[in-house]
Amino acid sequence: MLATENPKALIEQIRKAGMKVGIAIKPNTPVEDVLDLAELADMVLVMTVEPGFGGQSFMENMMSKVEKIRARYPTKDIEVDGGVGLKTIGHCAKAGANMIVSGTAVVRSDNPKEVMDEMRATVTRERDNWPQP
C-alpha cells in the first residue's frame, strides 16, 4: 500500500469521521493486494491508465481486476477511470464496472449528454450479466 502503512486503521479513521471509503488500484498494483481490504470499502477504483494526465489510452487488461472484484463482491461499487469512452465502455460494463469516469471522451464530444446517456445505457444493459449475491 502506498498511501499508508496501516490501511485498516486509516479506513477506521475515515469511517469515524463520517465519510465513505474508497480504494484505488493503479495499473501496476496486483488486485490481490486489495481484495481483502475491498470488503471494508464502499467503492474500489480501478485505474485504466497511469494516473496523472488526461487523454491516455485505455488499458483493457485492467478489466481482469474489475472481474475479480465483481466476482468476490457482487454488490460493491466498482469504478473505472482512464481512457473510458464510447469505444471502451462495453469492456468496462461487461467486466462489472458500475461507476464510470470519462473526461476526454465527454468534454471533447459534440454532444456530451448523448455520450453520457449511451455509456449509462451500456452499463445498465450489462448489469444483469454480473454475478449475483
N, C-alpha and C. Protein backbone atom coordinates (compact mmCIF):
# COMPACT_ATOMS: atom_id res chain seq x y z
N MET A 1 0.84 -1.19 0.00
CA MET A 1 0.00 0.00 0.00
C MET A 1 0.88 1.25 0.00
N LEU A 2 0.61 2.11 -0.90
CA LEU A 2 1.41 3.31 -0.99
C LEU A 2 0.92 4.43 -0.08
N ALA A 3 -0.38 4.50 0.16
CA ALA A 3 -0.94 5.63 0.90
C ALA A 3 -0.72 5.53 2.40
N THR A 4 -0.59 4.33 2.92
CA THR A 4 -0.47 4.16 4.36
C THR A 4 0.16 2.82 4.70
N GLU A 5 0.81 2.78 5.84
CA GLU A 5 1.37 1.52 6.34
C GLU A 5 0.30 0.66 6.97
N ASN A 6 -0.79 1.29 7.44
CA ASN A 6 -1.85 0.57 8.15
C ASN A 6 -3.21 0.92 7.55
N PRO A 7 -3.57 0.29 6.44
CA PRO A 7 -4.82 0.67 5.76
C PRO A 7 -6.07 0.44 6.60
N LYS A 8 -6.10 -0.59 7.42
CA LYS A 8 -7.30 -0.84 8.24
C LYS A 8 -7.51 0.28 9.25
N ALA A 9 -6.45 0.78 9.83
CA ALA A 9 -6.57 1.89 10.78
C ALA A 9 -7.04 3.15 10.06
N LEU A 10 -6.53 3.39 8.86
CA LEU A 10 -6.96 4.55 8.09
C LEU A 10 -8.44 4.44 7.72
N ILE A 11 -8.87 3.26 7.33
CA ILE A 11 -10.28 3.05 7.00
C ILE A 11 -11.16 3.33 8.22
N GLU A 12 -10.74 2.86 9.38
CA GLU A 12 -11.49 3.11 10.61
C GLU A 12 -11.56 4.61 10.91
N GLN A 13 -10.45 5.31 10.72
CA GLN A 13 -10.40 6.75 10.95
C GLN A 13 -11.35 7.49 10.00
N ILE A 14 -11.38 7.07 8.75
CA ILE A 14 -12.28 7.68 7.76
C ILE A 14 -13.74 7.45 8.16
N ARG A 15 -14.05 6.24 8.55
CA ARG A 15 -15.42 5.91 8.97
C ARG A 15 -15.83 6.74 10.20
N LYS A 16 -14.93 6.87 11.17
CA LYS A 16 -15.22 7.65 12.38
C LYS A 16 -15.49 9.11 12.05
N ALA A 17 -14.93 9.59 10.96
CA ALA A 17 -15.15 10.97 10.53
C ALA A 17 -16.46 11.11 9.74
N GLY A 18 -17.19 9.99 9.59
CA GLY A 18 -18.48 10.02 8.92
C GLY A 18 -18.40 10.01 7.40
N MET A 19 -17.29 9.57 6.88
CA MET A 19 -17.11 9.56 5.42
C MET A 19 -17.13 8.14 4.87
N LYS A 20 -17.34 8.04 3.58
CA LYS A 20 -17.26 6.76 2.89
C LYS A 20 -15.81 6.48 2.51
N VAL A 21 -15.53 5.19 2.27
CA VAL A 21 -14.17 4.76 1.99
C VAL A 21 -14.05 4.25 0.57
N GLY A 22 -13.02 4.72 -0.12
CA GLY A 22 -12.70 4.22 -1.45
C GLY A 22 -11.26 3.76 -1.49
N ILE A 23 -11.03 2.74 -2.30
CA ILE A 23 -9.68 2.21 -2.50
C ILE A 23 -9.39 2.29 -3.99
N ALA A 24 -8.21 2.78 -4.35
CA ALA A 24 -7.81 2.86 -5.75
C ALA A 24 -6.68 1.90 -6.05
N ILE A 25 -6.73 1.33 -7.25
CA ILE A 25 -5.69 0.40 -7.71
C ILE A 25 -5.08 0.97 -8.99
N LYS A 26 -3.79 1.24 -8.93
CA LYS A 26 -3.08 1.68 -10.13
C LYS A 26 -2.80 0.47 -11.03
N PRO A 27 -2.50 0.70 -12.30
CA PRO A 27 -2.28 -0.42 -13.20
C PRO A 27 -1.24 -1.44 -12.74
N ASN A 28 -0.18 -1.01 -12.09
CA ASN A 28 0.85 -1.96 -11.67
C ASN A 28 0.59 -2.61 -10.32
N THR A 29 -0.51 -2.27 -9.66
CA THR A 29 -0.85 -2.87 -8.38
C THR A 29 -1.64 -4.15 -8.62
N PRO A 30 -1.16 -5.28 -8.12
CA PRO A 30 -1.93 -6.53 -8.27
C PRO A 30 -3.26 -6.42 -7.52
N VAL A 31 -4.32 -6.87 -8.12
CA VAL A 31 -5.64 -6.79 -7.50
C VAL A 31 -5.67 -7.56 -6.17
N GLU A 32 -4.87 -8.60 -6.08
CA GLU A 32 -4.82 -9.40 -4.86
C GLU A 32 -4.38 -8.57 -3.65
N ASP A 33 -3.64 -7.50 -3.90
CA ASP A 33 -3.17 -6.63 -2.81
C ASP A 33 -4.31 -5.93 -2.10
N VAL A 34 -5.46 -5.79 -2.76
CA VAL A 34 -6.56 -5.04 -2.15
C VAL A 34 -7.84 -5.84 -2.00
N LEU A 35 -7.86 -7.09 -2.43
CA LEU A 35 -9.11 -7.85 -2.38
C LEU A 35 -9.69 -7.96 -0.97
N ASP A 36 -8.86 -8.24 0.02
CA ASP A 36 -9.38 -8.34 1.39
C ASP A 36 -9.83 -6.99 1.92
N LEU A 37 -9.08 -5.94 1.62
CA LEU A 37 -9.45 -4.59 2.07
C LEU A 37 -10.72 -4.09 1.40
N ALA A 38 -10.99 -4.56 0.19
CA ALA A 38 -12.17 -4.11 -0.54
C ALA A 38 -13.45 -4.38 0.24
N GLU A 39 -13.44 -5.39 1.06
CA GLU A 39 -14.61 -5.69 1.89
C GLU A 39 -14.94 -4.52 2.82
N LEU A 40 -13.94 -3.79 3.25
CA LEU A 40 -14.12 -2.69 4.18
C LEU A 40 -14.43 -1.36 3.49
N ALA A 41 -14.35 -1.34 2.17
CA ALA A 41 -14.54 -0.10 1.41
C ALA A 41 -15.94 -0.04 0.81
N ASP A 42 -16.37 1.18 0.53
CA ASP A 42 -17.64 1.39 -0.16
C ASP A 42 -17.46 1.27 -1.67
N MET A 43 -16.26 1.58 -2.14
CA MET A 43 -16.00 1.63 -3.57
C MET A 43 -14.55 1.27 -3.84
N VAL A 44 -14.33 0.60 -4.97
CA VAL A 44 -12.97 0.31 -5.43
C VAL A 44 -12.82 0.93 -6.81
N LEU A 45 -11.79 1.75 -6.96
CA LEU A 45 -11.47 2.39 -8.23
C LEU A 45 -10.32 1.65 -8.90
N VAL A 46 -10.57 1.18 -10.11
CA VAL A 46 -9.52 0.54 -10.90
C VAL A 46 -9.08 1.55 -11.96
N MET A 47 -7.84 2.01 -11.84
CA MET A 47 -7.30 2.94 -12.82
C MET A 47 -7.00 2.18 -14.10
N THR A 48 -7.51 2.69 -15.22
CA THR A 48 -7.30 2.04 -16.51
C THR A 48 -6.30 2.82 -17.37
N VAL A 49 -5.58 3.73 -16.72
CA VAL A 49 -4.42 4.44 -17.26
C VAL A 49 -3.52 4.73 -16.07
N GLU A 50 -2.30 5.13 -16.33
CA GLU A 50 -1.45 5.60 -15.24
C GLU A 50 -1.96 6.98 -14.83
N PRO A 51 -2.21 7.18 -13.54
CA PRO A 51 -2.73 8.48 -13.11
C PRO A 51 -1.77 9.62 -13.43
N GLY A 52 -2.35 10.77 -13.71
CA GLY A 52 -1.50 11.93 -13.91
C GLY A 52 -1.99 12.93 -14.93
N PHE A 53 -2.51 12.45 -16.06
CA PHE A 53 -2.97 13.40 -17.06
C PHE A 53 -4.01 12.73 -17.96
N GLY A 54 -4.88 13.53 -18.55
CA GLY A 54 -5.97 13.04 -19.39
C GLY A 54 -5.52 12.66 -20.78
N GLY A 55 -6.41 11.98 -21.49
CA GLY A 55 -6.18 11.65 -22.88
C GLY A 55 -5.34 10.42 -23.14
N GLN A 56 -5.06 9.62 -22.11
CA GLN A 56 -4.27 8.41 -22.29
C GLN A 56 -5.12 7.30 -22.89
N SER A 57 -4.46 6.28 -23.41
CA SER A 57 -5.17 5.13 -23.98
C SER A 57 -5.63 4.18 -22.88
N PHE A 58 -6.83 3.69 -23.05
CA PHE A 58 -7.46 2.73 -22.16
C PHE A 58 -6.65 1.43 -22.11
N MET A 59 -6.43 0.91 -20.90
CA MET A 59 -5.69 -0.34 -20.72
C MET A 59 -6.70 -1.47 -20.48
N GLU A 60 -7.07 -2.15 -21.55
CA GLU A 60 -8.11 -3.18 -21.47
C GLU A 60 -7.73 -4.31 -20.51
N ASN A 61 -6.44 -4.58 -20.36
CA ASN A 61 -6.03 -5.67 -19.47
C ASN A 61 -6.37 -5.40 -18.01
N MET A 62 -6.77 -4.19 -17.67
CA MET A 62 -7.19 -3.89 -16.30
C MET A 62 -8.58 -4.46 -16.00
N MET A 63 -9.29 -4.88 -17.03
CA MET A 63 -10.64 -5.41 -16.82
C MET A 63 -10.65 -6.71 -16.04
N SER A 64 -9.54 -7.45 -16.07
CA SER A 64 -9.47 -8.67 -15.25
C SER A 64 -9.54 -8.32 -13.76
N LYS A 65 -9.02 -7.15 -13.39
CA LYS A 65 -9.12 -6.71 -12.00
C LYS A 65 -10.57 -6.42 -11.64
N VAL A 66 -11.27 -5.74 -12.53
CA VAL A 66 -12.69 -5.45 -12.30
C VAL A 66 -13.46 -6.76 -12.16
N GLU A 67 -13.19 -7.71 -13.03
CA GLU A 67 -13.89 -9.00 -12.98
C GLU A 67 -13.66 -9.72 -11.65
N LYS A 68 -12.43 -9.72 -11.18
CA LYS A 68 -12.12 -10.40 -9.91
C LYS A 68 -12.82 -9.73 -8.74
N ILE A 69 -12.83 -8.41 -8.73
CA ILE A 69 -13.52 -7.69 -7.65
C ILE A 69 -15.01 -7.94 -7.73
N ARG A 70 -15.59 -7.87 -8.92
CA ARG A 70 -17.03 -8.08 -9.09
C ARG A 70 -17.42 -9.50 -8.67
N ALA A 71 -16.61 -10.49 -9.01
CA ALA A 71 -16.91 -11.88 -8.64
C ALA A 71 -16.92 -12.06 -7.13
N ARG A 72 -16.01 -11.40 -6.46
CA ARG A 72 -15.91 -11.56 -4.99
C ARG A 72 -16.90 -10.68 -4.25
N TYR A 73 -17.21 -9.51 -4.81
CA TYR A 73 -18.10 -8.54 -4.16
C TYR A 73 -19.19 -8.10 -5.14
N PRO A 74 -20.21 -8.91 -5.31
CA PRO A 74 -21.23 -8.63 -6.33
C PRO A 74 -21.98 -7.30 -6.16
N THR A 75 -22.03 -6.76 -4.95
CA THR A 75 -22.78 -5.52 -4.74
C THR A 75 -21.89 -4.30 -4.54
N LYS A 76 -20.59 -4.48 -4.64
CA LYS A 76 -19.63 -3.38 -4.42
C LYS A 76 -19.68 -2.38 -5.58
N ASP A 77 -19.56 -1.10 -5.27
CA ASP A 77 -19.37 -0.10 -6.31
C ASP A 77 -17.95 -0.24 -6.84
N ILE A 78 -17.84 -0.44 -8.15
CA ILE A 78 -16.54 -0.57 -8.81
C ILE A 78 -16.46 0.49 -9.90
N GLU A 79 -15.46 1.34 -9.77
CA GLU A 79 -15.30 2.47 -10.68
C GLU A 79 -14.08 2.24 -11.57
N VAL A 80 -14.16 2.71 -12.80
CA VAL A 80 -13.01 2.71 -13.70
C VAL A 80 -12.74 4.14 -14.14
N ASP A 81 -11.47 4.46 -14.31
CA ASP A 81 -11.08 5.82 -14.67
C ASP A 81 -9.86 5.77 -15.56
N GLY A 82 -10.02 6.30 -16.77
CA GLY A 82 -8.89 6.43 -17.67
C GLY A 82 -9.16 5.85 -19.04
N GLY A 83 -9.28 6.71 -20.03
CA GLY A 83 -9.46 6.26 -21.39
C GLY A 83 -10.83 5.67 -21.67
N VAL A 84 -11.79 5.95 -20.81
CA VAL A 84 -13.13 5.37 -20.98
C VAL A 84 -13.98 6.28 -21.85
N GLY A 85 -14.52 5.71 -22.90
CA GLY A 85 -15.39 6.42 -23.83
C GLY A 85 -16.29 5.44 -24.53
N LEU A 86 -16.91 5.86 -25.60
CA LEU A 86 -17.87 5.00 -26.30
C LEU A 86 -17.23 3.73 -26.85
N LYS A 87 -15.96 3.78 -27.22
CA LYS A 87 -15.29 2.59 -27.77
C LYS A 87 -14.86 1.61 -26.69
N THR A 88 -14.77 2.04 -25.44
CA THR A 88 -14.25 1.18 -24.38
C THR A 88 -15.27 0.87 -23.29
N ILE A 89 -16.37 1.58 -23.25
CA ILE A 89 -17.35 1.39 -22.18
C ILE A 89 -17.89 -0.03 -22.13
N GLY A 90 -18.02 -0.68 -23.27
CA GLY A 90 -18.52 -2.06 -23.29
C GLY A 90 -17.63 -3.01 -22.51
N HIS A 91 -16.32 -2.83 -22.63
CA HIS A 91 -15.37 -3.67 -21.88
C HIS A 91 -15.55 -3.45 -20.38
N CYS A 92 -15.70 -2.19 -20.00
CA CYS A 92 -15.85 -1.85 -18.58
C CYS A 92 -17.14 -2.43 -18.01
N ALA A 93 -18.22 -2.24 -18.74
CA ALA A 93 -19.53 -2.70 -18.27
C ALA A 93 -19.58 -4.22 -18.21
N LYS A 94 -19.05 -4.89 -19.20
CA LYS A 94 -19.06 -6.35 -19.22
C LYS A 94 -18.24 -6.91 -18.05
N ALA A 95 -17.14 -6.26 -17.72
CA ALA A 95 -16.28 -6.71 -16.62
C ALA A 95 -16.93 -6.51 -15.25
N GLY A 96 -17.87 -5.53 -15.17
CA GLY A 96 -18.57 -5.31 -13.91
C GLY A 96 -18.44 -3.94 -13.31
N ALA A 97 -17.91 -2.98 -14.04
CA ALA A 97 -17.80 -1.61 -13.53
C ALA A 97 -19.17 -0.94 -13.57
N ASN A 98 -19.57 -0.36 -12.45
CA ASN A 98 -20.86 0.35 -12.39
C ASN A 98 -20.70 1.84 -12.16
N MET A 99 -19.48 2.31 -11.98
CA MET A 99 -19.20 3.74 -11.84
C MET A 99 -18.13 4.08 -12.88
N ILE A 100 -18.40 5.09 -13.68
CA ILE A 100 -17.54 5.39 -14.82
C ILE A 100 -17.04 6.84 -14.73
N VAL A 101 -15.73 7.00 -14.90
CA VAL A 101 -15.16 8.34 -15.06
C VAL A 101 -14.75 8.46 -16.52
N SER A 102 -15.29 9.46 -17.18
CA SER A 102 -14.96 9.67 -18.59
C SER A 102 -14.81 11.16 -18.82
N GLY A 103 -13.59 11.60 -18.90
CA GLY A 103 -13.33 13.02 -19.09
C GLY A 103 -13.23 13.42 -20.54
N THR A 104 -12.13 13.06 -21.16
CA THR A 104 -11.85 13.48 -22.53
C THR A 104 -12.96 13.08 -23.50
N ALA A 105 -13.46 11.86 -23.39
CA ALA A 105 -14.48 11.38 -24.33
C ALA A 105 -15.76 12.20 -24.24
N VAL A 106 -16.04 12.73 -23.08
CA VAL A 106 -17.26 13.53 -22.90
C VAL A 106 -17.01 14.98 -23.30
N VAL A 107 -16.00 15.59 -22.73
CA VAL A 107 -15.80 17.03 -22.97
C VAL A 107 -15.37 17.37 -24.39
N ARG A 108 -14.78 16.41 -25.08
CA ARG A 108 -14.36 16.67 -26.47
C ARG A 108 -15.40 16.23 -27.49
N SER A 109 -16.53 15.70 -27.03
CA SER A 109 -17.57 15.26 -27.97
C SER A 109 -18.44 16.44 -28.39
N ASP A 110 -19.12 16.27 -29.50
CA ASP A 110 -20.05 17.30 -29.98
C ASP A 110 -21.33 17.31 -29.14
N ASN A 111 -21.63 16.17 -28.50
CA ASN A 111 -22.85 16.06 -27.73
C ASN A 111 -22.58 15.29 -26.43
N PRO A 112 -22.04 15.96 -25.41
CA PRO A 112 -21.69 15.29 -24.17
C PRO A 112 -22.85 14.51 -23.54
N LYS A 113 -24.05 15.06 -23.56
CA LYS A 113 -25.19 14.36 -22.96
C LYS A 113 -25.45 13.03 -23.66
N GLU A 114 -25.36 13.02 -24.97
CA GLU A 114 -25.57 11.78 -25.74
C GLU A 114 -24.52 10.73 -25.38
N VAL A 115 -23.28 11.16 -25.24
CA VAL A 115 -22.20 10.25 -24.88
C VAL A 115 -22.46 9.66 -23.49
N MET A 116 -22.81 10.50 -22.54
CA MET A 116 -23.08 10.01 -21.18
C MET A 116 -24.28 9.08 -21.15
N ASP A 117 -25.34 9.43 -21.89
CA ASP A 117 -26.53 8.58 -21.94
C ASP A 117 -26.20 7.21 -22.53
N GLU A 118 -25.40 7.18 -23.58
CA GLU A 118 -25.05 5.90 -24.20
C GLU A 118 -24.17 5.06 -23.28
N MET A 119 -23.24 5.69 -22.59
CA MET A 119 -22.40 4.94 -21.65
C MET A 119 -23.25 4.39 -20.49
N ARG A 120 -24.15 5.21 -19.97
CA ARG A 120 -25.03 4.76 -18.90
C ARG A 120 -25.88 3.57 -19.36
N ALA A 121 -26.42 3.64 -20.56
CA ALA A 121 -27.25 2.56 -21.09
C ALA A 121 -26.44 1.27 -21.25
N THR A 122 -25.19 1.38 -21.66
CA THR A 122 -24.33 0.20 -21.81
C THR A 122 -24.12 -0.48 -20.47
N VAL A 123 -23.84 0.29 -19.43
CA VAL A 123 -23.65 -0.29 -18.09
C VAL A 123 -24.95 -0.94 -17.61
N THR A 124 -26.06 -0.29 -17.82
CA THR A 124 -27.35 -0.82 -17.39
C THR A 124 -27.66 -2.14 -18.08
N ARG A 125 -27.38 -2.25 -19.37
CA ARG A 125 -27.62 -3.50 -20.12
C ARG A 125 -26.77 -4.64 -19.58
N GLU A 126 -25.53 -4.37 -19.25
CA GLU A 126 -24.61 -5.44 -18.80
C GLU A 126 -24.85 -5.87 -17.36
N ARG A 127 -25.46 -5.02 -16.56
CA ARG A 127 -25.62 -5.29 -15.13
C ARG A 127 -26.27 -6.65 -14.86
N ASP A 128 -27.22 -7.05 -15.69
CA ASP A 128 -27.91 -8.32 -15.48
C ASP A 128 -26.99 -9.53 -15.64
N ASN A 129 -25.85 -9.36 -16.29
CA ASN A 129 -24.91 -10.47 -16.51
C ASN A 129 -23.86 -10.60 -15.42
N TRP A 130 -23.84 -9.67 -14.47
CA TRP A 130 -22.84 -9.72 -13.40
C TRP A 130 -23.21 -10.78 -12.38
N PRO A 131 -22.23 -11.28 -11.63
CA PRO A 131 -22.53 -12.25 -10.57
C PRO A 131 -23.53 -11.66 -9.57
N GLN A 132 -24.41 -12.48 -9.08
CA GLN A 132 -25.42 -12.04 -8.13
C GLN A 132 -25.05 -12.48 -6.72
N PRO A 133 -25.46 -11.70 -5.72
CA PRO A 133 -25.14 -12.07 -4.32
C PRO A 133 -25.88 -13.33 -3.89
